């Protein structure tokens, strides 16, 4: 298999792996406040997350930055919890443009944290940091494709509930964000960080 294809597949499988549901849960929480009509904003949001993820992979692979795995395993559910709480308690009076910029910045920052989860494994795979471009490109395109597929599914389910079953958007957001917050809180409490 060509190296690019190998890393493309690896990135796709990394994000779509149900055993590592934390990325999927984060995407669910991230998309809970959006409707299908806002697909452009969702794409930018997901891409911001991928950019953050990519930056961390580069920094760790080049030995510029490193964080203990135990701390990362705590931070990831914390990002999900904070996103879910932000969905429910976020300022609804804030100007839409300012709110979107804040959401993009949050997705980018949390992408940095989520990228740490896979960075050591990715670093071991590439072996030669000077040969990082093709693996990084393939891996991140794979992640982006996987995320877009997951987001398409999430937004499709939201469309069904919001437009066909006529669930109120506020109720949908509360339910999805509440479920994401609950699941991430369980992960936080099960974490042996303390």
N, C-alpha and C. Protein backbone atom coordinates (compact mmCIF):
# COMPACT_ATOMS: atom_id res chain seq x y z
N UNK A 1 0.85 -1.19 0.00
CA UNK A 1 0.00 0.00 0.00
C UNK A 1 0.89 1.25 0.00
N UNK A 2 0.54 2.21 -0.81
CA UNK A 2 1.27 3.48 -0.88
C UNK A 2 1.20 4.17 0.48
N UNK A 3 2.30 4.82 0.93
CA UNK A 3 2.30 5.47 2.25
C UNK A 3 1.13 6.45 2.43
N UNK A 4 0.82 7.24 1.39
CA UNK A 4 -0.27 8.19 1.52
C UNK A 4 -1.58 7.46 1.80
N UNK A 5 -1.85 6.38 1.06
CA UNK A 5 -3.08 5.62 1.25
C UNK A 5 -3.12 4.97 2.64
N UNK A 6 -1.97 4.49 3.09
CA UNK A 6 -1.88 3.88 4.42
C UNK A 6 -2.30 4.89 5.49
N UNK A 7 -1.74 6.09 5.43
CA UNK A 7 -2.04 7.11 6.44
C UNK A 7 -3.45 7.68 6.29
N UNK A 8 -3.94 7.75 5.07
CA UNK A 8 -5.32 8.17 4.82
C UNK A 8 -6.28 7.21 5.51
N UNK A 9 -6.05 5.91 5.31
CA UNK A 9 -6.89 4.87 5.93
C UNK A 9 -6.76 4.93 7.45
N UNK A 10 -5.53 5.10 7.93
CA UNK A 10 -5.28 5.17 9.37
C UNK A 10 -6.03 6.36 10.00
N UNK A 11 -5.98 7.52 9.35
CA UNK A 11 -6.68 8.70 9.86
C UNK A 11 -8.18 8.49 9.88
N UNK A 12 -8.72 7.91 8.81
CA UNK A 12 -10.16 7.64 8.73
C UNK A 12 -10.58 6.68 9.83
N UNK A 13 -9.81 5.60 10.00
CA UNK A 13 -10.14 4.59 11.02
C UNK A 13 -9.99 5.16 12.42
N UNK A 14 -9.03 6.04 12.60
CA UNK A 14 -8.82 6.64 13.92
C UNK A 14 -10.05 7.43 14.37
N UNK A 15 -10.61 8.20 13.47
CA UNK A 15 -11.74 9.05 13.85
C UNK A 15 -13.05 8.26 13.90
N UNK A 16 -13.16 7.20 13.10
CA UNK A 16 -14.41 6.44 13.02
C UNK A 16 -14.43 5.23 13.94
N UNK A 17 -13.39 5.03 14.72
CA UNK A 17 -13.29 3.87 15.61
C UNK A 17 -14.27 4.01 16.77
N UNK A 18 -15.26 3.11 16.82
CA UNK A 18 -16.27 3.18 17.87
C UNK A 18 -15.69 2.85 19.25
N UNK A 19 -14.58 2.11 19.28
CA UNK A 19 -13.94 1.81 20.57
C UNK A 19 -13.35 3.07 21.18
N UNK A 20 -12.90 3.99 20.35
CA UNK A 20 -12.40 5.28 20.83
C UNK A 20 -13.45 6.34 20.55
N UNK A 21 -14.57 6.19 21.18
CA UNK A 21 -15.76 7.02 20.88
C UNK A 21 -15.61 8.48 21.28
N UNK A 22 -14.50 8.84 21.94
CA UNK A 22 -14.36 10.21 22.44
C UNK A 22 -14.40 11.25 21.32
N UNK A 23 -13.79 10.96 20.17
CA UNK A 23 -13.82 11.91 19.06
C UNK A 23 -15.23 12.05 18.50
N UNK A 24 -15.92 10.93 18.40
CA UNK A 24 -17.30 10.95 17.89
C UNK A 24 -18.18 11.73 18.85
N UNK A 25 -18.03 11.48 20.14
CA UNK A 25 -18.83 12.19 21.14
C UNK A 25 -18.55 13.69 21.10
N UNK A 26 -17.29 14.05 20.88
CA UNK A 26 -16.96 15.47 20.76
C UNK A 26 -17.66 16.08 19.54
N UNK A 27 -17.65 15.38 18.41
CA UNK A 27 -18.32 15.88 17.21
C UNK A 27 -19.83 16.01 17.43
N UNK A 28 -20.41 15.06 18.14
CA UNK A 28 -21.84 15.12 18.46
C UNK A 28 -22.13 16.38 19.27
N UNK A 29 -21.31 16.61 20.31
CA UNK A 29 -21.51 17.81 21.14
C UNK A 29 -21.27 19.08 20.34
N UNK A 30 -20.27 19.07 19.49
CA UNK A 30 -19.92 20.23 18.68
C UNK A 30 -21.06 20.62 17.73
N UNK A 31 -21.75 19.62 17.20
CA UNK A 31 -22.81 19.86 16.20
C UNK A 31 -24.20 20.04 16.79
N UNK A 32 -24.36 19.83 18.08
CA UNK A 32 -25.70 19.84 18.69
C UNK A 32 -26.46 21.15 18.50
N UNK A 33 -25.75 22.26 18.39
CA UNK A 33 -26.42 23.56 18.30
C UNK A 33 -26.71 23.99 16.86
N UNK A 34 -26.32 23.16 15.89
CA UNK A 34 -26.45 23.55 14.49
C UNK A 34 -27.56 22.78 13.77
N UNK A 35 -28.11 23.44 12.76
CA UNK A 35 -29.10 22.82 11.87
C UNK A 35 -28.44 22.53 10.54
N UNK A 36 -29.06 21.66 9.75
CA UNK A 36 -28.50 21.28 8.45
C UNK A 36 -28.31 22.48 7.53
N UNK A 37 -29.14 23.51 7.71
CA UNK A 37 -29.04 24.72 6.89
C UNK A 37 -27.74 25.48 7.16
N UNK A 38 -27.09 25.18 8.26
CA UNK A 38 -25.85 25.86 8.64
C UNK A 38 -24.63 25.01 8.26
N UNK A 39 -24.73 24.21 7.21
CA UNK A 39 -23.70 23.25 6.84
C UNK A 39 -22.35 23.90 6.59
N UNK A 40 -22.33 25.13 6.07
CA UNK A 40 -21.04 25.80 5.83
C UNK A 40 -20.31 26.07 7.15
N UNK A 41 -21.07 26.54 8.13
CA UNK A 41 -20.47 26.81 9.45
C UNK A 41 -19.97 25.51 10.08
N UNK A 42 -20.73 24.43 9.89
CA UNK A 42 -20.33 23.14 10.45
C UNK A 42 -19.02 22.67 9.80
N UNK A 43 -18.91 22.83 8.48
CA UNK A 43 -17.69 22.42 7.78
C UNK A 43 -16.47 23.20 8.27
N UNK A 44 -16.64 24.50 8.48
CA UNK A 44 -15.54 25.33 8.98
C UNK A 44 -15.17 24.89 10.40
N UNK A 45 -16.18 24.60 11.21
CA UNK A 45 -15.96 24.17 12.59
C UNK A 45 -15.16 22.87 12.64
N UNK A 46 -15.57 21.89 11.82
CA UNK A 46 -14.90 20.60 11.78
C UNK A 46 -13.47 20.76 11.26
N UNK A 47 -13.29 21.62 10.27
CA UNK A 47 -11.96 21.86 9.72
C UNK A 47 -11.07 22.55 10.76
N UNK A 48 -11.62 23.44 11.55
CA UNK A 48 -10.85 24.07 12.63
C UNK A 48 -10.36 23.02 13.62
N UNK A 49 -11.22 22.07 13.93
CA UNK A 49 -10.84 20.97 14.82
C UNK A 49 -9.69 20.16 14.22
N UNK A 50 -9.78 19.85 12.91
CA UNK A 50 -8.73 19.10 12.22
C UNK A 50 -7.42 19.87 12.19
N UNK A 51 -7.48 21.18 11.99
CA UNK A 51 -6.25 21.99 11.98
C UNK A 51 -5.57 21.91 13.34
N UNK A 52 -6.35 22.04 14.40
CA UNK A 52 -5.78 21.92 15.75
C UNK A 52 -5.13 20.55 15.96
N UNK A 53 -5.83 19.52 15.54
CA UNK A 53 -5.34 18.14 15.61
C UNK A 53 -4.01 18.02 14.87
N UNK A 54 -3.93 18.61 13.67
CA UNK A 54 -2.73 18.54 12.82
C UNK A 54 -1.55 19.23 13.47
N UNK A 55 -1.78 20.40 14.03
CA UNK A 55 -0.70 21.17 14.65
C UNK A 55 -0.07 20.36 15.78
N UNK A 56 -0.90 19.71 16.59
CA UNK A 56 -0.37 18.91 17.69
C UNK A 56 0.45 17.73 17.16
N UNK A 57 -0.05 17.08 16.11
CA UNK A 57 0.70 15.95 15.54
C UNK A 57 2.08 16.39 15.08
N UNK A 58 2.17 17.55 14.44
CA UNK A 58 3.46 18.06 13.97
C UNK A 58 4.37 18.37 15.16
N UNK A 59 3.85 19.07 16.15
CA UNK A 59 4.66 19.47 17.30
C UNK A 59 5.21 18.27 18.06
N UNK A 60 4.37 17.26 18.27
CA UNK A 60 4.83 16.07 19.00
C UNK A 60 5.78 15.25 18.13
N UNK A 61 5.47 15.09 16.85
CA UNK A 61 6.33 14.31 15.95
C UNK A 61 7.72 14.89 15.81
N UNK A 62 7.83 16.20 15.91
CA UNK A 62 9.13 16.86 15.80
C UNK A 62 9.78 17.10 17.16
N UNK A 63 9.22 16.49 18.21
CA UNK A 63 9.74 16.61 19.59
C UNK A 63 9.78 18.04 20.10
N UNK A 64 8.84 18.86 19.65
CA UNK A 64 8.76 20.24 20.12
C UNK A 64 7.87 20.33 21.35
N UNK A 65 6.97 19.37 21.47
CA UNK A 65 5.96 19.44 22.52
C UNK A 65 5.59 18.02 22.94
N UNK A 66 5.32 17.81 24.20
CA UNK A 66 4.88 16.50 24.68
C UNK A 66 4.09 16.67 25.97
N UNK A 67 3.11 15.81 26.14
CA UNK A 67 2.29 15.85 27.36
C UNK A 67 2.06 14.41 27.81
N UNK A 68 2.09 14.12 29.09
CA UNK A 68 1.86 12.75 29.57
C UNK A 68 0.47 12.24 29.18
N UNK A 69 0.41 10.98 28.82
CA UNK A 69 -0.83 10.34 28.36
C UNK A 69 -1.93 10.43 29.42
N UNK A 70 -1.56 10.30 30.67
CA UNK A 70 -2.53 10.35 31.78
C UNK A 70 -3.28 11.69 31.77
N UNK A 71 -2.56 12.76 31.51
CA UNK A 71 -3.15 14.09 31.48
C UNK A 71 -4.08 14.25 30.27
N UNK A 72 -3.66 13.69 29.12
CA UNK A 72 -4.47 13.76 27.90
C UNK A 72 -5.79 13.03 28.09
N UNK A 73 -5.73 11.86 28.74
CA UNK A 73 -6.94 11.05 28.97
C UNK A 73 -7.93 11.79 29.88
N UNK A 74 -7.43 12.75 30.63
CA UNK A 74 -8.31 13.59 31.44
C UNK A 74 -8.84 14.78 30.63
N UNK A 75 -7.98 15.37 29.83
CA UNK A 75 -8.35 16.58 29.08
C UNK A 75 -9.41 16.31 28.00
N UNK A 76 -9.35 15.16 27.35
CA UNK A 76 -10.29 14.88 26.25
C UNK A 76 -11.73 14.87 26.73
N UNK A 77 -12.10 14.08 27.77
CA UNK A 77 -13.49 14.17 28.22
C UNK A 77 -13.85 15.55 28.78
N UNK A 78 -12.84 16.26 29.30
CA UNK A 78 -13.09 17.62 29.77
C UNK A 78 -13.50 18.53 28.62
N UNK A 79 -12.88 18.38 27.44
CA UNK A 79 -13.26 19.20 26.28
C UNK A 79 -14.69 18.90 25.85
N UNK A 80 -15.07 17.64 25.92
CA UNK A 80 -16.45 17.25 25.56
C UNK A 80 -17.43 17.86 26.55
N UNK A 81 -17.10 17.75 27.82
CA UNK A 81 -17.96 18.30 28.88
C UNK A 81 -18.12 19.82 28.72
N UNK A 82 -17.00 20.51 28.50
CA UNK A 82 -17.05 21.98 28.35
C UNK A 82 -17.84 22.39 27.10
N UNK A 83 -17.69 21.65 26.01
CA UNK A 83 -18.44 21.95 24.79
C UNK A 83 -19.93 21.78 25.03
N UNK A 84 -20.31 20.69 25.70
CA UNK A 84 -21.73 20.43 25.98
C UNK A 84 -22.31 21.51 26.90
N UNK A 85 -21.57 21.88 27.92
CA UNK A 85 -22.04 22.93 28.84
C UNK A 85 -22.14 24.27 28.10
N UNK A 86 -21.18 24.55 27.24
CA UNK A 86 -21.20 25.78 26.45
C UNK A 86 -22.44 25.82 25.55
N UNK A 87 -22.81 24.67 25.00
CA UNK A 87 -24.01 24.59 24.15
C UNK A 87 -25.26 25.02 24.91
N UNK A 88 -25.33 24.64 26.16
CA UNK A 88 -26.52 24.91 26.96
C UNK A 88 -26.46 26.28 27.63
N UNK A 89 -25.30 26.64 28.17
CA UNK A 89 -25.19 27.88 28.94
C UNK A 89 -24.55 29.03 28.17
N UNK A 90 -24.03 28.76 26.97
CA UNK A 90 -23.38 29.80 26.18
C UNK A 90 -24.28 31.00 26.00
N UNK A 91 -23.69 32.15 25.95
CA UNK A 91 -24.47 33.39 25.84
C UNK A 91 -25.26 33.42 24.54
N UNK A 92 -26.58 33.39 24.67
CA UNK A 92 -27.45 33.45 23.49
C UNK A 92 -27.67 34.89 23.03
N UNK A 93 -27.22 35.83 23.86
CA UNK A 93 -27.38 37.24 23.50
C UNK A 93 -26.17 37.76 22.73
N UNK A 94 -25.11 36.94 22.67
CA UNK A 94 -23.90 37.35 21.96
C UNK A 94 -24.20 37.48 20.48
N UNK A 95 -23.58 38.46 19.85
CA UNK A 95 -23.73 38.65 18.41
C UNK A 95 -23.30 37.37 17.70
N UNK A 96 -24.05 36.99 16.65
CA UNK A 96 -23.80 35.72 15.95
C UNK A 96 -22.37 35.60 15.45
N UNK A 97 -21.82 36.65 14.87
CA UNK A 97 -20.46 36.60 14.34
C UNK A 97 -19.46 36.34 15.45
N UNK A 98 -19.61 37.03 16.57
CA UNK A 98 -18.71 36.84 17.71
C UNK A 98 -18.84 35.44 18.27
N UNK A 99 -20.07 34.93 18.32
CA UNK A 99 -20.31 33.58 18.83
C UNK A 99 -19.66 32.54 17.93
N UNK A 100 -19.76 32.70 16.60
CA UNK A 100 -19.16 31.75 15.67
C UNK A 100 -17.64 31.79 15.79
N UNK A 101 -17.07 32.98 15.91
CA UNK A 101 -15.61 33.08 16.07
C UNK A 101 -15.16 32.36 17.34
N UNK A 102 -15.93 32.51 18.40
CA UNK A 102 -15.61 31.83 19.65
C UNK A 102 -15.71 30.31 19.47
N UNK A 103 -16.74 29.86 18.75
CA UNK A 103 -16.91 28.42 18.51
C UNK A 103 -15.77 27.87 17.67
N UNK A 104 -15.33 28.63 16.65
CA UNK A 104 -14.21 28.19 15.82
C UNK A 104 -12.93 28.11 16.66
N UNK A 105 -12.70 29.11 17.49
CA UNK A 105 -11.50 29.13 18.34
C UNK A 105 -11.53 27.95 19.32
N UNK A 106 -12.70 27.68 19.85
CA UNK A 106 -12.85 26.57 20.79
C UNK A 106 -12.57 25.25 20.08
N UNK A 107 -13.11 25.06 18.87
CA UNK A 107 -12.89 23.82 18.11
C UNK A 107 -11.40 23.66 17.78
N UNK A 108 -10.74 24.75 17.41
CA UNK A 108 -9.32 24.72 17.10
C UNK A 108 -8.50 24.33 18.33
N UNK A 109 -8.78 24.97 19.46
CA UNK A 109 -8.06 24.69 20.70
C UNK A 109 -8.30 23.26 21.16
N UNK A 110 -9.56 22.82 21.12
CA UNK A 110 -9.86 21.46 21.55
C UNK A 110 -9.29 20.44 20.57
N UNK A 111 -9.13 20.82 19.30
CA UNK A 111 -8.45 19.96 18.33
C UNK A 111 -7.00 19.72 18.72
N UNK A 112 -6.36 20.77 19.26
CA UNK A 112 -4.98 20.63 19.76
C UNK A 112 -4.92 19.55 20.83
N UNK A 113 -5.87 19.55 21.73
CA UNK A 113 -5.91 18.58 22.82
C UNK A 113 -6.19 17.18 22.28
N UNK A 114 -7.19 17.04 21.41
CA UNK A 114 -7.53 15.72 20.87
C UNK A 114 -6.39 15.15 20.03
N UNK A 115 -5.62 16.02 19.38
CA UNK A 115 -4.49 15.55 18.59
C UNK A 115 -3.42 14.88 19.44
N UNK A 116 -3.34 15.26 20.71
CA UNK A 116 -2.35 14.67 21.61
C UNK A 116 -2.63 13.19 21.84
N UNK A 117 -3.89 12.80 21.75
CA UNK A 117 -4.29 11.43 22.05
C UNK A 117 -3.62 10.43 21.11
N UNK A 118 -3.40 10.81 19.87
CA UNK A 118 -2.86 9.88 18.87
C UNK A 118 -1.43 10.22 18.49
N UNK A 119 -0.91 11.31 19.01
CA UNK A 119 0.38 11.84 18.54
C UNK A 119 1.56 10.90 18.80
N UNK A 120 1.62 10.25 19.95
CA UNK A 120 2.76 9.38 20.24
C UNK A 120 2.77 8.16 19.31
N UNK A 121 1.59 7.60 19.05
CA UNK A 121 1.48 6.48 18.12
C UNK A 121 1.87 6.92 16.71
N UNK A 122 1.38 8.08 16.31
CA UNK A 122 1.71 8.62 14.99
C UNK A 122 3.21 8.86 14.88
N UNK A 123 3.81 9.39 15.93
CA UNK A 123 5.25 9.65 15.95
C UNK A 123 6.04 8.36 15.78
N UNK A 124 5.62 7.29 16.43
CA UNK A 124 6.29 6.00 16.31
C UNK A 124 6.15 5.44 14.90
N UNK A 125 5.03 5.69 14.26
CA UNK A 125 4.80 5.18 12.91
C UNK A 125 5.70 5.84 11.87
N UNK A 126 5.90 7.16 12.00
CA UNK A 126 6.66 7.84 10.95
C UNK A 126 8.17 7.62 11.09
N UNK A 127 8.62 7.29 12.27
CA UNK A 127 10.03 7.01 12.56
C UNK A 127 10.98 8.15 12.20
N UNK A 128 10.91 8.68 11.00
CA UNK A 128 11.82 9.74 10.56
C UNK A 128 11.06 11.07 10.49
N UNK A 129 11.26 11.95 11.47
CA UNK A 129 10.53 13.22 11.48
C UNK A 129 10.74 14.09 10.24
N UNK A 130 11.84 13.87 9.52
CA UNK A 130 12.07 14.67 8.32
C UNK A 130 11.16 14.23 7.17
N UNK A 131 10.52 13.07 7.34
CA UNK A 131 9.65 12.53 6.30
C UNK A 131 8.19 12.59 6.76
N UNK A 132 7.79 13.71 7.35
CA UNK A 132 6.47 13.82 7.98
C UNK A 132 5.36 14.31 7.04
N UNK A 133 5.69 14.94 5.94
CA UNK A 133 4.69 15.62 5.12
C UNK A 133 3.63 14.66 4.57
N UNK A 134 4.02 13.59 3.90
CA UNK A 134 3.07 12.65 3.30
C UNK A 134 2.22 11.96 4.38
N UNK A 135 2.86 11.41 5.45
CA UNK A 135 2.04 10.80 6.51
C UNK A 135 1.05 11.79 7.13
N UNK A 136 1.52 13.00 7.40
CA UNK A 136 0.65 14.00 8.03
C UNK A 136 -0.51 14.39 7.12
N UNK A 137 -0.21 14.60 5.86
CA UNK A 137 -1.25 14.96 4.89
C UNK A 137 -2.28 13.85 4.76
N UNK A 138 -1.80 12.63 4.55
CA UNK A 138 -2.71 11.49 4.42
C UNK A 138 -3.55 11.28 5.66
N UNK A 139 -2.90 11.33 6.82
CA UNK A 139 -3.61 11.10 8.08
C UNK A 139 -4.68 12.16 8.31
N UNK A 140 -4.34 13.42 8.08
CA UNK A 140 -5.30 14.49 8.33
C UNK A 140 -6.45 14.52 7.32
N UNK A 141 -6.17 14.17 6.07
CA UNK A 141 -7.27 14.06 5.10
C UNK A 141 -8.18 12.92 5.50
N UNK A 142 -7.60 11.82 5.97
CA UNK A 142 -8.40 10.69 6.47
C UNK A 142 -9.27 11.09 7.65
N UNK A 143 -8.69 11.84 8.57
CA UNK A 143 -9.46 12.33 9.73
C UNK A 143 -10.60 13.24 9.26
N UNK A 144 -10.28 14.15 8.35
CA UNK A 144 -11.31 15.09 7.88
C UNK A 144 -12.45 14.34 7.18
N UNK A 145 -12.12 13.36 6.34
CA UNK A 145 -13.16 12.59 5.65
C UNK A 145 -14.01 11.81 6.66
N UNK A 146 -13.34 11.20 7.65
CA UNK A 146 -14.07 10.48 8.69
C UNK A 146 -14.98 11.39 9.49
N UNK A 147 -14.47 12.55 9.84
CA UNK A 147 -15.28 13.52 10.59
C UNK A 147 -16.47 13.99 9.78
N UNK A 148 -16.25 14.26 8.50
CA UNK A 148 -17.35 14.73 7.66
C UNK A 148 -18.44 13.67 7.53
N UNK A 149 -18.04 12.41 7.44
CA UNK A 149 -19.01 11.32 7.38
C UNK A 149 -19.82 11.25 8.68
N UNK A 150 -19.12 11.34 9.80
CA UNK A 150 -19.79 11.31 11.11
C UNK A 150 -20.72 12.52 11.26
N UNK A 151 -20.24 13.69 10.88
CA UNK A 151 -21.03 14.91 10.99
C UNK A 151 -22.25 14.84 10.08
N UNK A 152 -22.07 14.30 8.88
CA UNK A 152 -23.20 14.12 7.96
C UNK A 152 -24.27 13.25 8.61
N UNK A 153 -23.85 12.19 9.28
CA UNK A 153 -24.79 11.32 9.97
C UNK A 153 -25.48 12.06 11.12
N UNK A 154 -24.70 12.78 11.93
CA UNK A 154 -25.25 13.52 13.08
C UNK A 154 -26.26 14.56 12.61
N UNK A 155 -25.90 15.33 11.59
CA UNK A 155 -26.78 16.38 11.08
C UNK A 155 -28.01 15.76 10.41
N UNK A 156 -27.84 14.60 9.79
CA UNK A 156 -28.98 13.89 9.20
C UNK A 156 -29.98 13.45 10.27
N UNK A 157 -29.48 12.92 11.38
CA UNK A 157 -30.35 12.53 12.49
C UNK A 157 -31.03 13.77 13.07
N UNK A 158 -30.27 14.85 13.21
CA UNK A 158 -30.85 16.11 13.71
C UNK A 158 -31.94 16.60 12.77
N UNK A 159 -31.71 16.52 11.46
CA UNK A 159 -32.73 16.93 10.48
C UNK A 159 -34.01 16.13 10.68
N UNK A 160 -33.86 14.82 10.87
CA UNK A 160 -35.02 13.95 11.09
C UNK A 160 -35.81 14.41 12.32
N UNK A 161 -35.14 14.65 13.42
CA UNK A 161 -35.83 15.05 14.65
C UNK A 161 -36.37 16.47 14.58
N UNK A 162 -35.60 17.39 14.01
CA UNK A 162 -36.01 18.80 14.00
C UNK A 162 -37.03 19.12 12.91
N UNK A 163 -36.86 18.55 11.74
CA UNK A 163 -37.73 18.94 10.61
C UNK A 163 -38.88 17.96 10.35
N UNK A 164 -38.67 16.68 10.62
CA UNK A 164 -39.72 15.69 10.34
C UNK A 164 -40.56 15.45 11.60
N UNK A 165 -39.89 15.18 12.71
CA UNK A 165 -40.61 14.91 13.96
C UNK A 165 -40.95 16.18 14.73
N UNK A 166 -40.44 17.31 14.26
CA UNK A 166 -40.76 18.64 14.81
C UNK A 166 -40.36 18.82 16.28
N UNK A 167 -39.24 18.24 16.66
CA UNK A 167 -38.71 18.47 18.00
C UNK A 167 -38.15 19.89 18.01
N UNK A 168 -38.37 20.62 19.09
CA UNK A 168 -37.83 21.98 19.19
C UNK A 168 -36.31 21.94 19.26
N UNK A 169 -35.68 22.89 18.58
CA UNK A 169 -34.22 22.91 18.54
C UNK A 169 -33.61 23.03 19.93
N UNK A 170 -34.23 23.83 20.76
CA UNK A 170 -33.74 23.99 22.14
C UNK A 170 -33.78 22.66 22.88
N UNK A 171 -34.87 21.89 22.71
CA UNK A 171 -34.99 20.59 23.37
C UNK A 171 -33.95 19.60 22.82
N UNK A 172 -33.74 19.63 21.50
CA UNK A 172 -32.74 18.76 20.88
C UNK A 172 -31.35 19.07 21.45
N UNK A 173 -31.01 20.35 21.50
CA UNK A 173 -29.72 20.77 22.02
C UNK A 173 -29.55 20.33 23.47
N UNK A 174 -30.58 20.53 24.28
CA UNK A 174 -30.50 20.14 25.69
C UNK A 174 -30.29 18.63 25.83
N UNK A 175 -31.04 17.85 25.05
CA UNK A 175 -30.94 16.39 25.14
C UNK A 175 -29.56 15.91 24.70
N UNK A 176 -29.11 16.34 23.52
CA UNK A 176 -27.83 15.88 22.97
C UNK A 176 -26.66 16.38 23.84
N UNK A 177 -26.70 17.66 24.18
CA UNK A 177 -25.62 18.22 25.00
C UNK A 177 -25.61 17.61 26.39
N UNK A 178 -26.79 17.37 26.95
CA UNK A 178 -26.89 16.74 28.26
C UNK A 178 -26.34 15.32 28.25
N UNK A 179 -26.66 14.56 27.19
CA UNK A 179 -26.14 13.19 27.07
C UNK A 179 -24.62 13.21 26.91
N UNK A 180 -24.10 14.12 26.09
CA UNK A 180 -22.65 14.22 25.90
C UNK A 180 -21.96 14.63 27.20
N UNK A 181 -22.57 15.58 27.92
CA UNK A 181 -22.00 16.02 29.20
C UNK A 181 -21.98 14.86 30.20
N UNK A 182 -23.07 14.10 30.25
CA UNK A 182 -23.15 12.96 31.17
C UNK A 182 -22.11 11.90 30.86
N UNK A 183 -21.98 11.55 29.59
CA UNK A 183 -21.00 10.53 29.20
C UNK A 183 -19.56 11.00 29.47
N UNK A 184 -19.29 12.26 29.19
CA UNK A 184 -17.94 12.76 29.43
C UNK A 184 -17.66 12.89 30.93
N UNK A 185 -18.67 13.21 31.70
CA UNK A 185 -18.49 13.29 33.15
C UNK A 185 -18.15 11.92 33.73
N UNK A 186 -18.80 10.87 33.22
CA UNK A 186 -18.48 9.50 33.65
C UNK A 186 -17.02 9.19 33.33
N UNK A 187 -16.57 9.56 32.12
CA UNK A 187 -15.17 9.33 31.74
C UNK A 187 -14.21 10.10 32.65
N UNK A 188 -14.60 11.33 32.99
CA UNK A 188 -13.75 12.13 33.88
C UNK A 188 -13.64 11.48 35.25
N UNK A 189 -14.76 10.98 35.76
CA UNK A 189 -14.76 10.37 37.10
C UNK A 189 -14.03 9.02 37.11
N UNK A 190 -14.08 8.30 35.98
CA UNK A 190 -13.38 7.01 35.90
C UNK A 190 -11.89 7.18 35.67
N UNK A 191 -11.49 8.37 35.27
CA UNK A 191 -10.08 8.63 34.98
C UNK A 191 -9.28 8.62 36.25
N UNK A 192 -8.13 8.00 36.21
CA UNK A 192 -7.26 7.91 37.38
C UNK A 192 -6.26 9.06 37.46
N UNK A 193 -6.70 10.21 36.98
CA UNK A 193 -5.82 11.39 36.94
C UNK A 193 -5.40 11.82 38.33
N UNK A 194 -6.29 11.71 39.27
CA UNK A 194 -6.00 12.18 40.63
C UNK A 194 -5.16 11.16 41.32
